[in-house]
Amino acid sequence: MSNDSPRVTVLMPVYNNERYLPASVESILNQTYRDFEFIIVDDGSSDGSLQLLERYAEEDSRIRLSSRPNTGYTIALNEGLRVARGEFIARMDADDIAAPDRFRKQVQYLDDHPDCVVVGGNVLLIDCDGDPIREMCLGYTHEEIDNAHMLGQGGALIHPAVMIRKWGFDRVGEFREDYECAEDLDIFLRLAEVGKVANVPEVVLQYRQHLSSIGYSRADEQQRYTVCAVRDAHERRGIPLPHDWKYPIQGKVSAASSYRKWVWWALSGRNVPTARKYAVKAVLREPYRVESWRTLYCAMRGY
């Protein structure tokens, strides 16, 4: 690594995210920590994403923009990773918003904990309009996070909220392109075998929930690949899976069930207006379901 290389490489794939890009890109460019390059890989967007990114790249020399035909999220990640110059790789997604001091906090944590290979942080869940749903307070120790991952429990590290030491990838390899939709769980399990993983106990990202995100639009694929990643990790580590372990394959997630889930999350976070918004949406989608009316009643009541 040359002396003039930035300490941090921000890695962000983009595919048809024109609506959310300005908030996402500007949250990176306005970080209080300034020593970074911003690698953006446009994965064949067909909306105005590329044109918008080109304007940002003209205005800020830290942006390194590339574009190619659509081949997939994980392939785009690896393409950016191969040209990254930073000591640390900060992940970012094009529909999320980084807290202003995210990089400063994560760089400081990695400097203070040389045995840590991945650090994430708490996230504030927001909806497609930017309205708050709730804060996710995650496990903070290596054991809490890795134990959850070994059982296939996602969310112990939030992929677009993490910062990873570059040498971690040198040790374990790139993102697995055949595990798209669960490439994050797989890489976190592999990285936990060469260093510690952790979260800082502060919000570092506004993490957007919407029906077109992978966790909702491709939930069935994500669940299948989660099982594969967990089995691979147990085999690598020589640890048998618990005899009663069975990851629930739920299939596709309906819009109404997602809305009802967001209602309960928003109520738990005391974000009553958001809860009411999605309770109404759930009733309109599935007026014949008792659960829809129950969530509406609770949302109107406020708890």
C-alpha atoms as a PDB file:
ATOM      1  CA  MET A   1       0.000   0.000   0.000  1.00  0.00           C
ATOM      2  CA  SER A   2       1.509   3.333  -1.070  1.00  0.00           C
ATOM      3  CA  ASN A   3       1.928   6.191   1.370  1.00  0.00           C
ATOM      4  CA  ASP A   4      -0.583   8.321  -0.546  1.00  0.00           C
ATOM      5  CA  SER A   5      -3.337   5.695  -0.357  1.00  0.00           C
ATOM      6  CA  PRO A   6      -6.404   6.645   1.680  1.00  0.00           C
ATOM      7  CA  ARG A   7      -6.945   4.775   4.937  1.00  0.00           C
ATOM      8  CA  VAL A   8     -10.559   3.976   4.038  1.00  0.00           C
ATOM      9  CA  THR A   9     -12.132   2.701   0.843  1.00  0.00           C
ATOM     10  CA  VAL A  10     -15.907   3.091   0.702  1.00  0.00           C
ATOM     11  CA  LEU A  11     -17.424   0.379  -1.479  1.00  0.00           C
ATOM     12  CA  MET A  12     -20.946   0.862  -2.861  1.00  0.00           C
ATOM     13  CA  PRO A  13     -22.697  -1.034  -5.675  1.00  0.00           C
ATOM     14  CA  VAL A  14     -25.626   0.731  -7.341  1.00  0.00           C
ATOM     15  CA  TYR A  15     -28.534  -0.639  -9.328  1.00  0.00           C
ATOM     16  CA  ASN A  16     -31.539   1.579 -10.072  1.00  0.00           C
ATOM     17  CA  ASN A  17     -31.375   3.580  -6.849  1.00  0.00           C
ATOM     18  CA  GLU A  18     -31.960   7.046  -8.302  1.00  0.00           C
ATOM     19  CA  ARG A  19     -34.568   7.938  -5.670  1.00  0.00           C
ATOM     20  CA  TYR A  20     -32.271   7.362  -2.702  1.00  0.00           C
ATOM     21  CA  LEU A  21     -28.842   8.141  -4.175  1.00  0.00           C
ATOM     22  CA  PRO A  22     -28.512  11.832  -3.256  1.00  0.00           C
ATOM     23  CA  ALA A  23     -29.026  11.203   0.469  1.00  0.00           C
ATOM     24  CA  SER A  24     -26.762   8.158   0.394  1.00  0.00           C
ATOM     25  CA  VAL A  25     -23.879   9.692  -1.559  1.00  0.00           C
ATOM     26  CA  GLU A  26     -23.973  12.984   0.326  1.00  0.00           C
ATOM     27  CA  SER A  27     -23.917  11.191   3.678  1.00  0.00           C
ATOM     28  CA  ILE A  28     -20.556   9.734   2.628  1.00  0.00           C
ATOM     29  CA  LEU A  29     -19.110  12.891   1.118  1.00  0.00           C
ATOM     30  CA  ASN A  30     -20.029  14.835   4.270  1.00  0.00           C
ATOM     31  CA  GLN A  31     -18.320  12.482   6.730  1.00  0.00           C
ATOM     32  CA  THR A  32     -16.327  14.176   9.484  1.00  0.00           C
ATOM     33  CA  TYR A  33     -13.519  11.705   8.710  1.00  0.00           C
ATOM     34  CA  ARG A  34     -12.081  12.766   5.343  1.00  0.00           C
ATOM     35  CA  ASP A  35      -9.298  10.300   4.444  1.00  0.00           C
ATOM     36  CA  PHE A  36     -11.196   8.008   2.087  1.00  0.00           C
ATOM     37  CA  GLU A  37     -11.816   7.080  -1.513  1.00  0.00           C
ATOM     38  CA  PHE A  38     -15.350   6.296  -2.659  1.00  0.00           C
ATOM     39  CA  ILE A  39     -15.604   3.413  -5.126  1.00  0.00           C
ATOM     40  CA  ILE A  40     -19.029   3.232  -6.758  1.00  0.00           C
ATOM     41  CA  VAL A  41     -19.854   0.422  -9.188  1.00  0.00           C
ATOM     42  CA  ASP A  42     -22.977   1.014 -11.258  1.00  0.00           C
ATOM     43  CA  ASP A  43     -24.362  -2.412 -12.107  1.00  0.00           C
ATOM     44  CA  GLY A  44     -26.121  -1.512 -15.354  1.00  0.00           C
ATOM     45  CA  SER A  45     -28.757   0.840 -13.950  1.00  0.00           C
ATOM     46  CA  SER A  46     -31.607   1.632 -16.343  1.00  0.00           C
ATOM     47  CA  ASP A  47     -32.951   4.659 -14.453  1.00  0.00           C
ATOM     48  CA  GLY A  48     -31.075   7.922 -13.959  1.00  0.00           C
ATOM     49  CA  SER A  49     -28.630   6.544 -11.373  1.00  0.00           C
ATOM     50  CA  LEU A  50     -25.546   6.586 -13.593  1.00  0.00           C
ATOM     51  CA  GLN A  51     -26.112  10.137 -14.822  1.00  0.00           C
ATOM     52  CA  LEU A  52     -26.578  11.311 -11.250  1.00  0.00           C
ATOM     53  CA  LEU A  53     -23.399   9.542 -10.149  1.00  0.00           C
ATOM     54  CA  GLU A  54     -21.437  11.046 -13.028  1.00  0.00           C
ATOM     55  CA  ARG A  55     -22.365  14.522 -11.800  1.00  0.00           C
ATOM     56  CA  TYR A  56     -21.201  13.694  -8.281  1.00  0.00           C
ATOM     57  CA  ALA A  57     -17.942  12.232  -9.639  1.00  0.00           C
ATOM     58  CA  GLU A  58     -17.246  15.420 -11.585  1.00  0.00           C
ATOM     59  CA  GLU A  59     -17.606  17.463  -8.400  1.00  0.00           C
ATOM     60  CA  ASP A  60     -15.638  15.285  -5.945  1.00  0.00           C
ATOM     61  CA  SER A  61     -12.321  13.650  -6.841  1.00  0.00           C
ATOM     62  CA  ARG A  62     -12.671  11.074  -4.064  1.00  0.00           C
ATOM     63  CA  ILE A  63     -15.307   9.274  -6.131  1.00  0.00           C
ATOM     64  CA  ARG A  64     -14.050   6.497  -8.418  1.00  0.00           C
ATOM     65  CA  LEU A  65     -16.993   5.537 -10.600  1.00  0.00           C
ATOM     66  CA  SER A  66     -17.269   2.559 -12.925  1.00  0.00           C
ATOM     67  CA  SER A  67     -20.201   1.169 -14.871  1.00  0.00           C
ATOM     68  CA  ARG A  68     -20.880  -2.104 -16.631  1.00  0.00           C
ATOM     69  CA  PRO A  69     -23.771  -4.323 -17.750  1.00  0.00           C
ATOM     70  CA  ASN A  70     -25.922  -5.784 -14.995  1.00  0.00           C
ATOM     71  CA  THR A  71     -24.341  -8.962 -13.621  1.00  0.00           C
ATOM     72  CA  GLY A  72     -25.333  -8.837  -9.960  1.00  0.00           C
ATOM     73  CA  TYR A  73     -24.682  -7.210  -6.600  1.00  0.00           C
ATOM     74  CA  THR A  74     -21.962  -9.558  -5.350  1.00  0.00           C
ATOM     75  CA  ILE A  75     -19.980  -9.442  -8.587  1.00  0.00           C
ATOM     76  CA  ALA A  76     -20.102  -5.638  -8.379  1.00  0.00           C
ATOM     77  CA  LEU A  77     -18.813  -5.795  -4.798  1.00  0.00           C
ATOM     78  CA  ASN A  78     -15.845  -7.922  -5.813  1.00  0.00           C
ATOM     79  CA  GLU A  79     -15.049  -5.700  -8.784  1.00  0.00           C
ATOM     80  CA  GLY A  80     -14.771  -2.719  -6.452  1.00  0.00           C
ATOM     81  CA  LEU A  81     -12.868  -4.685  -3.827  1.00  0.00           C
ATOM     82  CA  ARG A  82     -10.146  -5.644  -6.312  1.00  0.00           C
ATOM     83  CA  VAL A  83      -9.204  -2.009  -6.950  1.00  0.00           C
ATOM     84  CA  ALA A  84      -9.613  -0.778  -3.362  1.00  0.00           C
ATOM     85  CA  ARG A  85      -6.507   0.961  -1.985  1.00  0.00           C
ATOM     86  CA  GLY A  86      -7.609   1.558   1.579  1.00  0.00           C
ATOM     87  CA  GLU A  87      -6.476  -0.168   4.750  1.00  0.00           C
ATOM     88  CA  PHE A  88     -10.134  -0.423   5.766  1.00  0.00           C
ATOM     89  CA  ILE A  89     -13.139  -1.266   3.569  1.00  0.00           C
ATOM     90  CA  ALA A  90     -16.321   0.565   4.566  1.00  0.00           C
ATOM     91  CA  ARG A  91     -19.424  -0.959   3.047  1.00  0.00           C
ATOM     92  CA  MET A  92     -22.319   1.200   1.991  1.00  0.00           C
ATOM     93  CA  ASP A  93     -25.546   0.620   0.089  1.00  0.00           C
ATOM     94  CA  ALA A  94     -27.170   3.111  -2.228  1.00  0.00           C
ATOM     95  CA  ASP A  95     -30.448   3.358  -0.321  1.00  0.00           C
ATOM     96  CA  ASP A  96     -29.014   3.913   3.169  1.00  0.00           C
ATOM     97  CA  ILE A  97     -27.709   6.998   4.996  1.00  0.00           C
ATOM     98  CA  ALA A  98     -24.472   7.023   6.998  1.00  0.00           C
ATOM     99  CA  ALA A  99     -24.268   8.942  10.273  1.00  0.00           C
ATOM    100  CA  PRO A 100     -21.897  11.936   9.901  1.00  0.00           C
ATOM    101  CA  ASP A 101     -19.246  10.537  12.252  1.00  0.00           C
ATOM    102  CA  ARG A 102     -19.595   6.882  11.290  1.00  0.00           C
ATOM    103  CA  PHE A 103     -16.103   6.548   9.770  1.00  0.00           C
ATOM    104  CA  ARG A 104     -14.400   8.445  12.582  1.00  0.00           C
ATOM    105  CA  LYS A 105     -15.901   6.129  15.196  1.00  0.00           C
ATOM    106  CA  GLN A 106     -15.159   2.938  13.288  1.00  0.00           C
ATOM    107  CA  VAL A 107     -11.577   3.873  12.373  1.00  0.00           C
ATOM    108  CA  GLN A 108     -10.944   4.787  16.004  1.00  0.00           C
ATOM    109  CA  TYR A 109     -12.364   1.453  17.152  1.00  0.00           C
ATOM    110  CA  LEU A 110     -10.175  -0.521  14.744  1.00  0.00           C
ATOM    111  CA  ASP A 111      -7.111   1.487  15.763  1.00  0.00           C
ATOM    112  CA  ASP A 112      -7.870   0.759  19.420  1.00  0.00           C
ATOM    113  CA  HIS A 113      -8.600  -2.955  18.822  1.00  0.00           C
ATOM    114  CA  PRO A 114      -5.944  -4.380  16.465  1.00  0.00           C
ATOM    115  CA  ASP A 115      -7.381  -7.900  16.830  1.00  0.00           C
ATOM    116  CA  CYS A 116     -10.756  -6.769  15.432  1.00  0.00           C
ATOM    117  CA  VAL A 117     -11.253  -7.467  11.724  1.00  0.00           C
ATOM    118  CA  VAL A 118     -14.857  -6.229  11.354  1.00  0.00           C
ATOM    119  CA  VAL A 119     -16.707  -3.478  13.198  1.00  0.00           C
ATOM    120  CA  GLY A 120     -20.306  -2.478  12.642  1.00  0.00           C
ATOM    121  CA  GLY A 121     -22.681  -0.516  14.819  1.00  0.00           C
ATOM    122  CA  ASN A 122     -26.281   0.099  15.744  1.00  0.00           C
ATOM    123  CA  VAL A 123     -28.649   1.182  12.989  1.00  0.00           C
ATOM    124  CA  LEU A 124     -31.837   3.208  12.836  1.00  0.00           C
ATOM    125  CA  LEU A 125     -34.396   1.468  10.659  1.00  0.00           C
ATOM    126  CA  ILE A 126     -36.187   3.905   8.339  1.00  0.00           C
ATOM    127  CA  ASP A 127     -38.821   3.388   5.665  1.00  0.00           C
ATOM    128  CA  CYS A 128     -38.899   4.386   2.013  1.00  0.00           C
ATOM    129  CA  ASP A 129     -39.907   7.934   2.988  1.00  0.00           C
ATOM    130  CA  GLY A 130     -37.171   8.255   5.600  1.00  0.00           C
ATOM    131  CA  ASP A 131     -39.604   7.968   8.510  1.00  0.00           C
ATOM    132  CA  PRO A 132     -38.115   6.250  11.591  1.00  0.00           C
ATOM    133  CA  ILE A 133     -39.172   2.709  12.473  1.00  0.00           C
ATOM    134  CA  ARG A 134     -36.901   1.785  15.378  1.00  0.00           C
ATOM    135  CA  GLU A 135     -33.282   1.574  16.453  1.00  0.00           C
ATOM    136  CA  MET A 136     -31.655  -1.839  16.271  1.00  0.00           C
ATOM    137  CA  CYS A 137     -29.324  -2.390  19.204  1.00  0.00           C
ATOM    138  CA  LEU A 138     -27.098  -5.279  18.227  1.00  0.00           C
ATOM    139  CA  GLY A 139     -24.762  -7.602  20.087  1.00  0.00           C
ATOM    140  CA  TYR A 140     -21.418  -5.979  20.790  1.00  0.00           C
ATOM    141  CA  THR A 141     -19.009  -8.818  21.580  1.00  0.00           C
ATOM    142  CA  HIS A 142     -17.405 -11.309  19.231  1.00  0.00           C
ATOM    143  CA  GLU A 143     -19.133 -14.191  20.987  1.00  0.00           C
ATOM    144  CA  GLU A 144     -22.619 -12.649  20.792  1.00  0.00           C
ATOM    145  CA  ILE A 145     -22.275 -11.820  17.107  1.00  0.00           C
ATOM    146  CA  ASP A 146     -20.579 -15.004  15.933  1.00  0.00           C
ATOM    147  CA  ASN A 147     -22.897 -17.272  17.923  1.00  0.00           C
ATOM    148  CA  ALA A 148     -25.900 -15.603  16.295  1.00  0.00           C
ATOM    149  CA  HIS A 149     -24.350 -16.004  12.839  1.00  0.00           C
ATOM    150  CA  MET A 150     -23.575 -19.668  13.466  1.00  0.00           C
ATOM    151  CA  LEU A 151     -27.306 -20.204  13.970  1.00  0.00           C
ATOM    152  CA  GLY A 152     -28.184 -18.275  10.816  1.00  0.00           C
ATOM    153  CA  GLN A 153     -29.549 -15.298  12.716  1.00  0.00           C
ATOM    154  CA  GLY A 154     -28.974 -12.316  10.451  1.00  0.00           C
ATOM    155  CA  GLY A 155     -28.724  -8.771  11.725  1.00  0.00           C
ATOM    156  CA  ALA A 156     -25.938  -9.268  14.255  1.00  0.00           C
ATOM    157  CA  LEU A 157     -23.795  -7.270  11.814  1.00  0.00           C
ATOM    158  CA  ILE A 158     -25.507  -5.019   9.263  1.00  0.00           C
ATOM    159  CA  HIS A 159     -23.646  -5.299   5.965  1.00  0.00           C
ATOM    160  CA  PRO A 160     -23.833  -1.647   4.797  1.00  0.00           C
ATOM    161  CA  ALA A 161     -22.820  -0.520   8.300  1.00  0.00           C
ATOM    162  CA  VAL A 162     -19.549  -2.444   8.615  1.00  0.00           C
ATOM    163  CA  MET A 163     -15.896  -1.507   8.210  1.00  0.00           C
ATOM    164  CA  ILE A 164     -13.538  -4.402   7.440  1.00  0.00           C
ATOM    165  CA  ARG A 165      -9.752  -4.590   7.493  1.00  0.00           C
ATOM    166  CA  LYS A 166      -8.439  -5.175   3.975  1.00  0.00           C
ATOM    167  CA  TRP A 167      -6.155  -7.939   5.238  1.00  0.00           C
ATOM    168  CA  GLY A 168      -9.263  -9.833   6.270  1.00  0.00           C
ATOM    169  CA  PHE A 169     -10.197 -10.256   2.619  1.00  0.00           C
ATOM    170  CA  ASP A 170      -6.589 -11.164   1.831  1.00  0.00           C
ATOM    171  CA  ARG A 171      -6.884 -13.991   4.363  1.00  0.00           C
ATOM    172  CA  VAL A 172     -10.347 -15.393   3.575  1.00  0.00           C
ATOM    173  CA  GLY A 173     -10.985 -14.321  -0.018  1.00  0.00           C
ATOM    174  CA  GLU A 174     -13.656 -12.238  -1.707  1.00  0.00           C
ATOM    175  CA  PHE A 175     -17.426 -12.304  -1.387  1.00  0.00           C
ATOM    176  CA  ARG A 176     -18.815 -15.613  -2.660  1.00  0.00           C
ATOM    177  CA  GLU A 177     -20.630 -14.829  -5.876  1.00  0.00           C
ATOM    178  CA  ASP A 178     -22.635 -18.064  -5.716  1.00  0.00           C
ATOM    179  CA  TYR A 179     -24.094 -16.999  -2.343  1.00  0.00           C
ATOM    180  CA  GLU A 180     -25.719 -13.763  -3.497  1.00  0.00           C
ATOM    181  CA  CYS A 181     -28.426 -12.720  -1.006  1.00  0.00           C
ATOM    182  CA  ALA A 182     -26.411 -14.234   1.877  1.00  0.00           C
ATOM    183  CA  GLU A 183     -22.900 -13.193   0.848  1.00  0.00           C
ATOM    184  CA  ASP A 184     -22.722 -10.964   3.920  1.00  0.00           C
ATOM    185  CA  LEU A 185     -23.411 -13.740   6.437  1.00  0.00           C
ATOM    186  CA  ASP A 186     -20.899 -15.984   4.664  1.00  0.00           C
ATOM    187  CA  ILE A 187     -18.099 -13.386   4.692  1.00  0.00           C
ATOM    188  CA  PHE A 188     -18.772 -12.479   8.340  1.00  0.00           C
ATOM    189  CA  LEU A 189     -18.518 -16.135   9.348  1.00  0.00           C
ATOM    190  CA  ARG A 190     -15.235 -16.508   7.455  1.00  0.00           C
ATOM    191  CA  LEU A 191     -13.785 -13.272   8.830  1.00  0.00           C
ATOM    192  CA  ALA A 192     -14.686 -14.304  12.387  1.00  0.00           C
ATOM    193  CA  GLU A 193     -12.281 -17.220  11.912  1.00  0.00           C
ATOM    194  CA  VAL A 194      -9.280 -14.893  11.436  1.00  0.00           C
ATOM    195  CA  GLY A 195     -10.113 -12.033  13.837  1.00  0.00           C
ATOM    196  CA  LYS A 196     -12.649 -10.540  16.197  1.00  0.00           C
ATOM    197  CA  VAL A 197     -15.961  -9.010  15.120  1.00  0.00           C
ATOM    198  CA  ALA A 198     -17.733  -6.231  17.027  1.00  0.00           C
ATOM    199  CA  ASN A 199     -20.273  -3.404  16.951  1.00  0.00           C
ATOM    200  CA  VAL A 200     -19.886   0.083  18.363  1.00  0.00           C
ATOM    201  CA  PRO A 201     -22.834   0.893  20.673  1.00  0.00           C
ATOM    202  CA  GLU A 202     -23.951   3.912  18.656  1.00  0.00           C
ATOM    203  CA  VAL A 203     -26.066   4.441  15.544  1.00  0.00           C
ATOM    204  CA  VAL A 204     -23.797   4.544  12.493  1.00  0.00           C
ATOM    205  CA  LEU A 205     -26.394   4.118   9.732  1.00  0.00           C
ATOM    206  CA  GLN A 206     -29.991   4.783   8.784  1.00  0.00           C
ATOM    207  CA  TYR A 207     -30.925   1.392   7.342  1.00  0.00           C
ATOM    208  CA  ARG A 208     -33.778   1.599   4.862  1.00  0.00           C
ATOM    209  CA  GLN A 209     -36.567  -0.977   4.809  1.00  0.00           C
ATOM    210  CA  HIS A 210     -38.590  -1.275   1.604  1.00  0.00           C
ATOM    211  CA  LEU A 211     -40.221  -4.043  -0.366  1.00  0.00           C
ATOM    212  CA  SER A 212     -37.716  -3.954  -3.238  1.00  0.00           C
ATOM    213  CA  SER A 213     -34.718  -4.657  -0.982  1.00  0.00           C
ATOM    214  CA  ILE A 214     -33.191  -8.141  -1.091  1.00  0.00           C
ATOM    215  CA  GLY A 215     -34.418  -9.072   2.367  1.00  0.00           C
ATOM    216  CA  TYR A 216     -37.999  -8.744   1.130  1.00  0.00           C
ATOM    217  CA  SER A 217     -37.972  -9.220  -2.649  1.00  0.00           C
ATOM    218  CA  ARG A 218     -35.646 -12.256  -2.563  1.00  0.00           C
ATOM    219  CA  ALA A 219     -36.316 -13.560   0.933  1.00  0.00           C
ATOM    220  CA  ASP A 220     -36.680 -17.183  -0.176  1.00  0.00           C
ATOM    221  CA  GLU A 221     -33.270 -17.171  -1.893  1.00  0.00           C
ATOM    222  CA  GLN A 222     -31.687 -15.434   1.072  1.00  0.00           C
ATOM    223  CA  GLN A 223     -33.021 -18.096   3.425  1.00  0.00           C
ATOM    224  CA  ARG A 224     -31.699 -20.971   1.285  1.00  0.00           C
ATOM    225  CA  TYR A 225     -28.217 -19.463   1.007  1.00  0.00           C
ATOM    226  CA  THR A 226     -28.218 -18.724   4.736  1.00  0.00           C
ATOM    227  CA  VAL A 227     -28.542 -22.456   5.380  1.00  0.00           C
ATOM    228  CA  CYS A 228     -25.602 -23.138   3.030  1.00  0.00           C
ATOM    229  CA  ALA A 229     -23.398 -20.506   4.708  1.00  0.00           C
ATOM    230  CA  VAL A 230     -24.146 -21.870   8.190  1.00  0.00           C
ATOM    231  CA  ARG A 231     -23.436 -25.457   7.165  1.00  0.00           C
ATOM    232  CA  ASP A 232     -20.185 -24.409   5.480  1.00  0.00           C
ATOM    233  CA  ALA A 233     -19.042 -22.591   8.632  1.00  0.00           C
ATOM    234  CA  HIS A 234     -19.735 -25.572  10.879  1.00  0.00           C
ATOM    235  CA  GLU A 235     -17.852 -27.847   8.485  1.00  0.00           C
ATOM    236  CA  ARG A 236     -14.833 -25.492   8.294  1.00  0.00           C
ATOM    237  CA  ARG A 237     -14.664 -25.234  12.075  1.00  0.00           C
ATOM    238  CA  GLY A 238     -15.257 -28.929  12.681  1.00  0.00           C
ATOM    239  CA  ILE A 239     -18.321 -28.181  14.800  1.00  0.00           C
ATOM    240  CA  PRO A 240     -21.448 -30.318  14.343  1.00  0.00           C
ATOM    241  CA  LEU A 241     -24.709 -28.495  13.831  1.00  0.00           C
ATOM    242  CA  PRO A 242     -27.083 -28.823  16.797  1.00  0.00           C
ATOM    243  CA  HIS A 243     -29.161 -31.932  16.156  1.00  0.00           C
ATOM    244  CA  ASP A 244     -32.382 -29.947  16.471  1.00  0.00           C
ATOM    245  CA  TRP A 245     -31.250 -27.021  14.298  1.00  0.00           C
ATOM    246  CA  LYS A 246     -33.568 -26.280  11.430  1.00  0.00           C
ATOM    247  CA  TYR A 247     -33.532 -22.913   9.737  1.00  0.00           C
ATOM    248  CA  PRO A 248     -37.097 -21.832   8.908  1.00  0.00           C
ATOM    249  CA  ILE A 249     -37.547 -21.493   5.146  1.00  0.00           C
ATOM    250  CA  GLN A 250     -40.567 -19.221   4.964  1.00  0.00           C
ATOM    251  CA  GLY A 251     -40.735 -18.557   1.238  1.00  0.00           C
ATOM    252  CA  LYS A 252     -41.668 -15.195  -0.223  1.00  0.00           C
ATOM    253  CA  VAL A 253     -42.680 -12.433   2.164  1.00  0.00           C
ATOM    254  CA  SER A 254     -45.991 -10.715   1.396  1.00  0.00           C
ATOM    255  CA  ALA A 255     -46.264  -6.939   1.425  1.00  0.00           C
ATOM    256  CA  ALA A 256     -48.947  -7.022   4.121  1.00  0.00           C
ATOM    257  CA  SER A 257     -46.902  -9.237   6.439  1.00  0.00           C
ATOM    258  CA  SER A 258     -43.954  -6.852   6.033  1.00  0.00           C
ATOM    259  CA  TYR A 259     -46.200  -3.891   6.837  1.00  0.00           C
ATOM    260  CA  ARG A 260     -47.508  -5.620   9.965  1.00  0.00           C
ATOM    261  CA  LYS A 261     -43.956  -6.365  11.078  1.00  0.00           C
ATOM    262  CA  TRP A 262     -43.005  -2.710  10.611  1.00  0.00           C
ATOM    263  CA  VAL A 263     -46.023  -1.703  12.707  1.00  0.00           C
ATOM    264  CA  TRP A 264     -44.790  -3.751  15.675  1.00  0.00           C
ATOM    265  CA  TRP A 265     -41.234  -2.533  15.192  1.00  0.00           C
ATOM    266  CA  ALA A 266     -42.378   1.095  15.021  1.00  0.00           C
ATOM    267  CA  LEU A 267     -44.519   0.708  18.130  1.00  0.00           C
ATOM    268  CA  SER A 268     -41.584  -0.829  20.002  1.00  0.00           C
ATOM    269  CA  GLY A 269     -39.516   2.189  18.946  1.00  0.00           C
ATOM    270  CA  ARG A 270     -42.318   4.589  19.974  1.00  0.00           C
ATOM    271  CA  ASN A 271     -42.646   5.838  16.411  1.00  0.00           C
ATOM    272  CA  VAL A 272     -46.443   5.839  16.430  1.00  0.00           C
ATOM    273  CA  PRO A 273     -47.024   7.843  13.198  1.00  0.00           C
ATOM    274  CA  THR A 274     -44.936   5.313  11.261  1.00  0.00           C
ATOM    275  CA  ALA A 275     -46.838   2.451  12.895  1.00  0.00           C
ATOM    276  CA  ARG A 276     -50.173   3.971  11.891  1.00  0.00           C
ATOM    277  CA  LYS A 277     -49.034   4.487   8.323  1.00  0.00           C
ATOM    278  CA  TYR A 278     -48.181   0.805   7.869  1.00  0.00           C
ATOM    279  CA  ALA A 279     -51.186  -0.459   9.808  1.00  0.00           C
ATOM    280  CA  VAL A 280     -53.434   1.281   7.282  1.00  0.00           C
ATOM    281  CA  LYS A 281     -51.394  -0.155   4.408  1.00  0.00           C
ATOM    282  CA  ALA A 282     -51.710  -3.670   5.871  1.00  0.00           C
ATOM    283  CA  VAL A 283     -55.498  -3.382   6.125  1.00  0.00           C
ATOM    284  CA  LEU A 284     -55.751  -2.099   2.563  1.00  0.00           C
ATOM    285  CA  ARG A 285     -53.624  -4.995   1.326  1.00  0.00           C
ATOM    286  CA  GLU A 286     -55.252  -7.752   3.382  1.00  0.00           C
ATOM    287  CA  PRO A 287     -58.568  -6.540   4.832  1.00  0.00           C
ATOM    288  CA  TYR A 288     -59.680 -10.143   5.346  1.00  0.00           C
ATOM    289  CA  ARG A 289     -56.889 -10.922   7.832  1.00  0.00           C
ATOM    290  CA  VAL A 290     -57.603 -10.536  11.540  1.00  0.00           C
ATOM    291  CA  GLU A 291     -53.912  -9.704  12.058  1.00  0.00           C
ATOM    292  CA  SER A 292     -54.271  -6.605   9.882  1.00  0.00           C
ATOM    293  CA  TRP A 293     -57.111  -5.230  11.983  1.00  0.00           C
ATOM    294  CA  ARG A 294     -55.333  -6.117  15.214  1.00  0.00           C
ATOM    295  CA  THR A 295     -52.243  -4.163  14.176  1.00  0.00           C
ATOM    296  CA  LEU A 296     -54.427  -1.226  13.124  1.00  0.00           C
ATOM    297  CA  TYR A 297     -56.147  -1.206  16.519  1.00  0.00           C
ATOM    298  CA  CYS A 298     -52.815  -1.280  18.364  1.00  0.00           C
ATOM    299  CA  ALA A 299     -51.337   1.419  16.120  1.00  0.00           C
ATOM    300  CA  MET A 300     -54.319   3.732  16.659  1.00  0.00           C
ATOM    301  CA  ARG A 301     -54.059   3.079  20.405  1.00  0.00           C
ATOM    302  CA  GLY A 302     -50.315   3.793  20.236  1.00  0.00           C
ATOM    303  CA  TYR A 303     -49.026   0.628  21.907  1.00  0.00           C
END
